[in-house]
Amino acid sequence: MAEITRRDTLKKIGATGLSLSALATSTFPKPAIAQGNTTITVSTWGGVTEEGIRKLVQPKFEKLTKASILYDIGGQGARYNKLLAQRASPPADVFFSTDEAVVSAYQQGILVPASRKNIPNAANVAERMMSVKIGTDNSTISGVPYTIIAYLLAFNPKTVTTRPTSWADMWRPEFANKFAFASPVHTQMPSFVIIAAELAGGSIDNIDPGFKKLAELRPSKLTVFWTDWAALYKSGDVIAATEFSYYLETMKAQNYDIDYVNPSDKGIAVPEYASIVKGTKKQELSEVFLNLMLDPEVQTDFARFTFQGPTNNLVHLPDDIAGKCTYGPIIDQLRFFDPQVLATNRPLWTERMNTQVVPHWRA
């Protein structure tokens, strides 16, 4: 089971003797030392991300700074809206999100750049992972892409006799009414609008064919998180789905009989960011935290524990971990969508999904 696997993983990590002294090869500026009972609040997803931060990052952060971490846990949308509603008195210091949400948050004025000199580990992050350009210049960065994940196509190898090979296979007759697909509010929906348009002869500049193509799809379940469709998969009511690879690896660890493919027309690359909330009174402490999220040993342990890929070029994952993460050659087979384009078009495209596409799915 996944919980046992992760517990064993943490024991193995602990058994290696990793401690602050083991980070000697990593890059750290002189840390801001907290005075008194100082805390930073991290707004992040629950589940493996929160657990990974608690187990793998928090102890090192506390040793470095003498400060502690509080958590604001929830879905990305709810946490984003909380930052908007409470911008005068921010409920968090650090915000975890996809790169598109970082762009939107900057447009709304609720995030602030971090100082490059306080995040030296960022110098070792591959340029393509730095997908958010707003708030980034020679002295600042918008936030840190602490991991890279992939959105792919999953299927039941016992039920599906012909292995899918491309996104076009989502429209195969055998998947009709047995397919779990990203809901209109899902982080990846704008990417699918573009993909569908291209499959139908359109493009990012001719998006109408995409909505017509998506209206022909016949999903039986709209999802945001893998547990939305997991029970239907067990019962056989779902035999294929779109999902993040690290969630699919979690399902495998929990003994689901499931497989997945990176489509020949490329899966979707999703850099996930940790960014600093505008109005924080703990900017330097938050920058220490962001730098830790990019530390090579932290990233290695995070990959082992959560199946999320590292972004620091100094990380070299062992084979038993590498094959379960978005790492190495597979990254070249993924498509990086411009988060600025996705953020700009999301409001209108979501409205069109709800009015022109979803009604056909309910017919």
Foldseek 3Di string as FASTA:
>chain_A
DLVVLLVVLLVVLVVVVDDLVNLVVWDADQAAADDDAAEFEEEDEDDLVVVLCVRQPQVRLCVRHVYGYHYDYDDLVVQLVQLLVPVVPGPGFKYKFWLLVLLVCVVSPWFAWAFCVRQVLQVQFDPVLLLDCPNDDPTTHSFDLLFKWWKFKKFQCVPDPDDDAAPVCLLPPVQAQQEEEAALVAPCVVVQLQVQQVVQVHHLVGRVSSQVSLLSGAYNHHDRAPVRCVVVVVVSSHGMYIGILLVVVSVVVVVDNMDTDQHQQATAMIRMGMGTTPPDPPRSSSSSSRSSSLRQVSQQSSLSNRVTHGRRNVHDHPPVRQVSYCDDPSVVRHDYDRSVSCSVCSVVVSVCCVPRRVVSNVD
